[in-house]
Structure formats: C-alpha cells, structure tokens
Amino acid sequence: MVKIHGFAYIFIGLFVSFMSWQLNYEKLIFFFYAGWAFVLFGFLKMMAALIKNYEDRKRSAHEIRQKNAAHQHQAYSHHAQRQTQHYKRCPRCGNVQRAHDRFCSHCGFRTI
C-alpha cells in the first residue's frame, strides 16, 4: 500500500477549498470545509512523521550507546583478565608482584 505524504493532503485540501470558494461557496460549502479538514489532516500527518523520526533517531542513538558500552565493558574485562594473569600477591604481606618474580619486593618472602 502506498503512503500519501502530508504535503499531498495539504495541497489537495487547499485546492478543493479554493475551487469551492471560487465556483459557488453557498452550494459547495461542504467541500470548502472538507478541504480545510484535509489541510489539517496533512499537517497532523507531517507532525506525526516528524515525531516518529525524532524518536527513531533517539532510539537508534541509545542502541549505539548501549553497544559501545557493552564493547567497552568486554574490552575492560579482557584487559582485567590479562592483568590478573601477569600479577600475583605475596602470601605473607599481600603485596602485588609480577607473576615471574621469585621473591616479594616488599618483605623478601620467597614465592613459588
């Protein structure tokens, strides 16, 4: 089904109203007001389309932000996981040290 743009309703409404006013206003008064109803409907249709477009853009921007946040969380989790693989704690004092260190740099305790 083809959707009719709001401008078409406005143009047709103005044309019908103008022609009914020019030809015989007393006999064609119904068409005069029907034309203005078309104009009003056209404006309402255009406003609804603008609101829908704004909401769609707002929703897509929100989805993009969510995807970026999820991606950043994954990258941070991966980075944190990699960091924990390279470091360990001293069993005596709890000092953080590199995984390949044999002795604690703080208390000198030998770590295996």
N, C-alpha and C. Protein backbone atom coordinates (compact mmCIF):
# COMPACT_ATOMS: atom_id res chain seq x y z
N MET A 1 0.84 -1.17 0.00
CA MET A 1 0.00 0.00 0.00
C MET A 1 0.89 1.24 0.00
N VAL A 2 0.54 2.21 -0.79
CA VAL A 2 1.32 3.42 -0.93
C VAL A 2 0.90 4.41 0.15
N LYS A 3 1.87 4.99 0.84
CA LYS A 3 1.58 6.00 1.84
C LYS A 3 1.59 7.38 1.18
N ILE A 4 0.58 8.18 1.50
CA ILE A 4 0.47 9.52 0.93
C ILE A 4 1.12 10.51 1.89
N HIS A 5 1.97 11.34 1.37
CA HIS A 5 2.70 12.32 2.18
C HIS A 5 1.74 13.43 2.62
N GLY A 6 2.07 14.06 3.73
CA GLY A 6 1.24 15.14 4.28
C GLY A 6 1.09 16.32 3.34
N PHE A 7 2.14 16.60 2.55
CA PHE A 7 2.05 17.71 1.59
C PHE A 7 0.96 17.47 0.56
N ALA A 8 0.75 16.22 0.17
CA ALA A 8 -0.30 15.92 -0.80
C ALA A 8 -1.67 16.26 -0.22
N TYR A 9 -1.91 15.89 1.05
CA TYR A 9 -3.18 16.23 1.69
C TYR A 9 -3.36 17.74 1.78
N ILE A 10 -2.30 18.46 2.11
CA ILE A 10 -2.38 19.91 2.23
C ILE A 10 -2.68 20.54 0.88
N PHE A 11 -1.97 20.10 -0.14
CA PHE A 11 -2.18 20.66 -1.49
C PHE A 11 -3.60 20.38 -1.98
N ILE A 12 -4.05 19.14 -1.84
CA ILE A 12 -5.40 18.79 -2.30
C ILE A 12 -6.45 19.56 -1.50
N GLY A 13 -6.26 19.65 -0.19
CA GLY A 13 -7.22 20.38 0.64
C GLY A 13 -7.31 21.85 0.26
N LEU A 14 -6.16 22.48 0.04
CA LEU A 14 -6.17 23.88 -0.38
C LEU A 14 -6.83 24.05 -1.74
N PHE A 15 -6.56 23.14 -2.66
CA PHE A 15 -7.16 23.22 -3.99
C PHE A 15 -8.67 23.08 -3.92
N VAL A 16 -9.17 22.10 -3.17
CA VAL A 16 -10.62 21.88 -3.05
C VAL A 16 -11.28 23.08 -2.38
N SER A 17 -10.69 23.59 -1.32
CA SER A 17 -11.27 24.74 -0.63
C SER A 17 -11.30 25.97 -1.53
N PHE A 18 -10.21 26.23 -2.22
CA PHE A 18 -10.15 27.39 -3.11
C PHE A 18 -11.15 27.28 -4.25
N MET A 19 -11.23 26.09 -4.88
CA MET A 19 -12.14 25.92 -6.01
C MET A 19 -13.61 26.01 -5.57
N SER A 20 -13.94 25.42 -4.40
CA SER A 20 -15.32 25.50 -3.94
C SER A 20 -15.68 26.94 -3.56
N TRP A 21 -14.73 27.69 -3.06
CA TRP A 21 -14.98 29.09 -2.72
C TRP A 21 -15.16 29.93 -3.99
N GLN A 22 -14.35 29.64 -5.03
CA GLN A 22 -14.43 30.41 -6.28
C GLN A 22 -15.68 30.08 -7.10
N LEU A 23 -16.06 28.81 -7.15
CA LEU A 23 -17.17 28.41 -8.02
C LEU A 23 -18.52 28.83 -7.45
N ASN A 24 -18.88 28.29 -6.30
CA ASN A 24 -20.15 28.63 -5.70
C ASN A 24 -20.08 28.26 -4.22
N TYR A 25 -19.74 29.23 -3.41
CA TYR A 25 -19.49 28.97 -1.99
C TYR A 25 -20.74 28.44 -1.29
N GLU A 26 -21.93 28.99 -1.59
CA GLU A 26 -23.15 28.58 -0.89
C GLU A 26 -23.50 27.12 -1.17
N LYS A 27 -23.33 26.66 -2.40
CA LYS A 27 -23.69 25.29 -2.75
C LYS A 27 -22.56 24.29 -2.43
N LEU A 28 -21.34 24.77 -2.40
CA LEU A 28 -20.20 23.88 -2.19
C LEU A 28 -19.52 24.10 -0.83
N ILE A 29 -20.29 24.56 0.15
CA ILE A 29 -19.72 24.86 1.47
C ILE A 29 -19.15 23.60 2.12
N PHE A 30 -19.80 22.46 1.89
CA PHE A 30 -19.28 21.20 2.45
C PHE A 30 -17.87 20.92 1.93
N PHE A 31 -17.64 21.13 0.64
CA PHE A 31 -16.32 20.87 0.06
C PHE A 31 -15.28 21.89 0.55
N PHE A 32 -15.76 23.12 0.82
CA PHE A 32 -14.86 24.13 1.36
C PHE A 32 -14.28 23.66 2.70
N TYR A 33 -15.16 23.22 3.59
CA TYR A 33 -14.70 22.76 4.90
C TYR A 33 -14.02 21.39 4.84
N ALA A 34 -14.42 20.55 3.91
CA ALA A 34 -13.74 19.27 3.73
C ALA A 34 -12.29 19.49 3.29
N GLY A 35 -12.09 20.50 2.44
CA GLY A 35 -10.73 20.85 2.02
C GLY A 35 -9.88 21.29 3.20
N TRP A 36 -10.44 22.09 4.08
CA TRP A 36 -9.69 22.52 5.27
C TRP A 36 -9.44 21.36 6.22
N ALA A 37 -10.35 20.40 6.24
CA ALA A 37 -10.12 19.20 7.04
C ALA A 37 -8.92 18.43 6.48
N PHE A 38 -8.80 18.37 5.15
CA PHE A 38 -7.65 17.72 4.51
C PHE A 38 -6.36 18.46 4.88
N VAL A 39 -6.42 19.79 4.89
CA VAL A 39 -5.24 20.57 5.24
C VAL A 39 -4.81 20.26 6.68
N LEU A 40 -5.78 20.24 7.60
CA LEU A 40 -5.48 19.93 8.99
C LEU A 40 -4.91 18.52 9.13
N PHE A 41 -5.52 17.56 8.42
CA PHE A 41 -5.03 16.19 8.47
C PHE A 41 -3.61 16.10 7.93
N GLY A 42 -3.31 16.83 6.87
CA GLY A 42 -1.97 16.83 6.30
C GLY A 42 -0.93 17.36 7.29
N PHE A 43 -1.28 18.45 7.99
CA PHE A 43 -0.37 19.00 9.00
C PHE A 43 -0.16 17.99 10.14
N LEU A 44 -1.24 17.37 10.60
CA LEU A 44 -1.12 16.39 11.67
C LEU A 44 -0.27 15.19 11.24
N LYS A 45 -0.44 14.77 10.00
CA LYS A 45 0.34 13.64 9.49
C LYS A 45 1.82 14.00 9.42
N MET A 46 2.12 15.22 8.99
CA MET A 46 3.53 15.64 8.92
C MET A 46 4.14 15.75 10.31
N MET A 47 3.38 16.26 11.27
CA MET A 47 3.89 16.36 12.64
C MET A 47 4.13 14.97 13.23
N ALA A 48 3.22 14.04 12.98
CA ALA A 48 3.41 12.67 13.48
C ALA A 48 4.65 12.03 12.87
N ALA A 49 4.90 12.29 11.59
CA ALA A 49 6.09 11.74 10.93
C ALA A 49 7.36 12.34 11.53
N LEU A 50 7.33 13.64 11.83
CA LEU A 50 8.50 14.28 12.45
C LEU A 50 8.76 13.71 13.84
N ILE A 51 7.71 13.52 14.61
CA ILE A 51 7.88 12.96 15.96
C ILE A 51 8.41 11.53 15.88
N LYS A 52 7.87 10.73 14.97
CA LYS A 52 8.32 9.35 14.81
C LYS A 52 9.79 9.32 14.39
N ASN A 53 10.16 10.19 13.47
CA ASN A 53 11.56 10.25 13.02
C ASN A 53 12.48 10.64 14.17
N TYR A 54 12.06 11.60 14.98
CA TYR A 54 12.86 12.02 16.14
C TYR A 54 13.02 10.87 17.13
N GLU A 55 11.93 10.14 17.41
CA GLU A 55 12.00 9.02 18.35
C GLU A 55 12.86 7.89 17.81
N ASP A 56 12.77 7.64 16.49
CA ASP A 56 13.61 6.60 15.89
C ASP A 56 15.08 6.95 16.00
N ARG A 57 15.42 8.22 15.74
CA ARG A 57 16.82 8.63 15.85
C ARG A 57 17.30 8.56 17.29
N LYS A 58 16.42 8.95 18.21
CA LYS A 58 16.78 8.89 19.62
C LYS A 58 16.98 7.44 20.06
N ARG A 59 16.11 6.53 19.61
CA ARG A 59 16.23 5.12 19.96
C ARG A 59 17.49 4.52 19.36
N SER A 60 17.79 4.85 18.10
CA SER A 60 18.99 4.29 17.48
C SER A 60 20.25 4.83 18.14
N ALA A 61 20.24 6.09 18.56
CA ALA A 61 21.40 6.64 19.27
C ALA A 61 21.58 5.93 20.61
N HIS A 62 20.47 5.63 21.29
CA HIS A 62 20.53 4.91 22.56
C HIS A 62 21.09 3.51 22.35
N GLU A 63 20.64 2.83 21.28
CA GLU A 63 21.14 1.48 20.99
C GLU A 63 22.63 1.52 20.67
N ILE A 64 23.08 2.53 19.96
CA ILE A 64 24.51 2.66 19.64
C ILE A 64 25.30 2.86 20.93
N ARG A 65 24.79 3.72 21.84
CA ARG A 65 25.48 3.92 23.11
C ARG A 65 25.54 2.63 23.92
N GLN A 66 24.45 1.84 23.90
CA GLN A 66 24.46 0.57 24.63
C GLN A 66 25.49 -0.39 24.04
N LYS A 67 25.55 -0.47 22.71
CA LYS A 67 26.53 -1.35 22.07
C LYS A 67 27.95 -0.91 22.41
N ASN A 68 28.20 0.40 22.39
CA ASN A 68 29.53 0.89 22.72
C ASN A 68 29.89 0.59 24.17
N ALA A 69 28.92 0.76 25.06
CA ALA A 69 29.18 0.47 26.48
C ALA A 69 29.46 -1.01 26.67
N ALA A 70 28.71 -1.88 25.99
CA ALA A 70 28.95 -3.33 26.10
C ALA A 70 30.33 -3.68 25.56
N HIS A 71 30.70 -3.05 24.44
CA HIS A 71 32.02 -3.31 23.85
C HIS A 71 33.12 -2.84 24.80
N GLN A 72 32.95 -1.67 25.41
CA GLN A 72 33.95 -1.18 26.35
C GLN A 72 34.04 -2.08 27.57
N HIS A 73 32.90 -2.58 28.03
CA HIS A 73 32.91 -3.49 29.18
C HIS A 73 33.66 -4.78 28.84
N GLN A 74 33.42 -5.31 27.62
CA GLN A 74 34.14 -6.51 27.20
C GLN A 74 35.64 -6.24 27.12
N ALA A 75 36.01 -5.10 26.56
CA ALA A 75 37.43 -4.77 26.44
C ALA A 75 38.05 -4.61 27.82
N TYR A 76 37.33 -3.96 28.74
CA TYR A 76 37.85 -3.79 30.10
C TYR A 76 37.98 -5.15 30.80
N SER A 77 36.97 -6.01 30.64
CA SER A 77 37.03 -7.34 31.26
C SER A 77 38.20 -8.14 30.72
N HIS A 78 38.39 -8.07 29.41
CA HIS A 78 39.51 -8.78 28.79
C HIS A 78 40.83 -8.23 29.31
N HIS A 79 40.93 -6.90 29.41
CA HIS A 79 42.16 -6.27 29.90
C HIS A 79 42.40 -6.65 31.36
N ALA A 80 41.34 -6.64 32.18
CA ALA A 80 41.49 -7.00 33.60
C ALA A 80 41.89 -8.47 33.73
N GLN A 81 41.33 -9.31 32.88
CA GLN A 81 41.68 -10.73 32.92
C GLN A 81 43.15 -10.91 32.55
N ARG A 82 43.60 -10.18 31.55
CA ARG A 82 45.01 -10.28 31.15
C ARG A 82 45.91 -9.76 32.26
N GLN A 83 45.48 -8.71 32.96
CA GLN A 83 46.31 -8.19 34.04
C GLN A 83 46.43 -9.18 35.18
N THR A 84 45.35 -9.86 35.53
CA THR A 84 45.42 -10.82 36.63
C THR A 84 46.31 -12.00 36.28
N GLN A 85 46.48 -12.29 35.02
CA GLN A 85 47.36 -13.38 34.63
C GLN A 85 48.82 -12.99 34.79
N HIS A 86 49.14 -11.70 34.80
CA HIS A 86 50.53 -11.25 34.87
C HIS A 86 50.97 -10.87 36.28
N TYR A 87 50.05 -10.86 37.22
CA TYR A 87 50.39 -10.45 38.58
C TYR A 87 49.92 -11.49 39.59
N LYS A 88 50.56 -11.47 40.77
CA LYS A 88 50.14 -12.33 41.88
C LYS A 88 50.41 -11.57 43.16
N ARG A 89 49.89 -12.10 44.27
CA ARG A 89 50.06 -11.47 45.58
C ARG A 89 51.00 -12.32 46.44
N CYS A 90 51.74 -11.64 47.27
CA CYS A 90 52.62 -12.31 48.22
C CYS A 90 51.75 -12.98 49.29
N PRO A 91 52.02 -14.26 49.62
CA PRO A 91 51.22 -14.92 50.64
C PRO A 91 51.43 -14.36 52.05
N ARG A 92 52.55 -13.73 52.30
CA ARG A 92 52.83 -13.20 53.64
C ARG A 92 52.26 -11.78 53.83
N CYS A 93 52.62 -10.85 52.96
CA CYS A 93 52.22 -9.45 53.16
C CYS A 93 51.10 -8.99 52.23
N GLY A 94 50.81 -9.74 51.18
CA GLY A 94 49.73 -9.37 50.25
C GLY A 94 50.15 -8.35 49.21
N ASN A 95 51.42 -8.06 49.10
CA ASN A 95 51.91 -7.12 48.12
C ASN A 95 51.71 -7.67 46.70
N VAL A 96 51.33 -6.80 45.77
CA VAL A 96 51.15 -7.22 44.38
C VAL A 96 52.51 -7.27 43.72
N GLN A 97 52.78 -8.36 43.01
CA GLN A 97 54.05 -8.52 42.32
C GLN A 97 53.82 -9.23 40.99
N ARG A 98 54.81 -9.16 40.15
CA ARG A 98 54.71 -9.81 38.84
C ARG A 98 54.71 -11.32 39.00
N ALA A 99 54.10 -12.00 38.05
CA ALA A 99 53.93 -13.45 38.14
C ALA A 99 55.28 -14.18 38.11
N HIS A 100 56.26 -13.65 37.44
CA HIS A 100 57.54 -14.37 37.32
C HIS A 100 58.53 -14.02 38.44
N ASP A 101 58.17 -13.11 39.37
CA ASP A 101 59.07 -12.80 40.50
C ASP A 101 59.14 -13.98 41.45
N ARG A 102 60.35 -14.27 41.97
CA ARG A 102 60.54 -15.38 42.90
C ARG A 102 60.49 -14.91 44.35
N PHE A 103 60.80 -13.63 44.59
CA PHE A 103 60.80 -13.08 45.93
C PHE A 103 59.94 -11.83 45.96
N CYS A 104 59.30 -11.60 47.10
CA CYS A 104 58.47 -10.40 47.27
C CYS A 104 59.37 -9.18 47.39
N SER A 105 59.05 -8.14 46.69
CA SER A 105 59.86 -6.93 46.71
C SER A 105 59.62 -6.11 47.99
N HIS A 106 58.58 -6.43 48.73
CA HIS A 106 58.27 -5.67 49.95
C HIS A 106 58.85 -6.35 51.21
N CYS A 107 58.59 -7.66 51.37
CA CYS A 107 59.04 -8.35 52.59
C CYS A 107 60.14 -9.36 52.34
N GLY A 108 60.43 -9.70 51.09
CA GLY A 108 61.50 -10.63 50.76
C GLY A 108 61.13 -12.08 50.87
N PHE A 109 59.85 -12.37 51.14
CA PHE A 109 59.41 -13.75 51.26
C PHE A 109 59.50 -14.44 49.91
N ARG A 110 59.94 -15.70 49.90
CA ARG A 110 60.08 -16.44 48.66
C ARG A 110 58.70 -16.96 48.23
N THR A 111 58.30 -16.62 47.04
CA THR A 111 57.03 -17.09 46.47
C THR A 111 57.31 -18.11 45.41
N ILE A 112 56.49 -19.09 45.36
CA ILE A 112 56.72 -20.18 44.39
C ILE A 112 55.81 -20.03 43.19
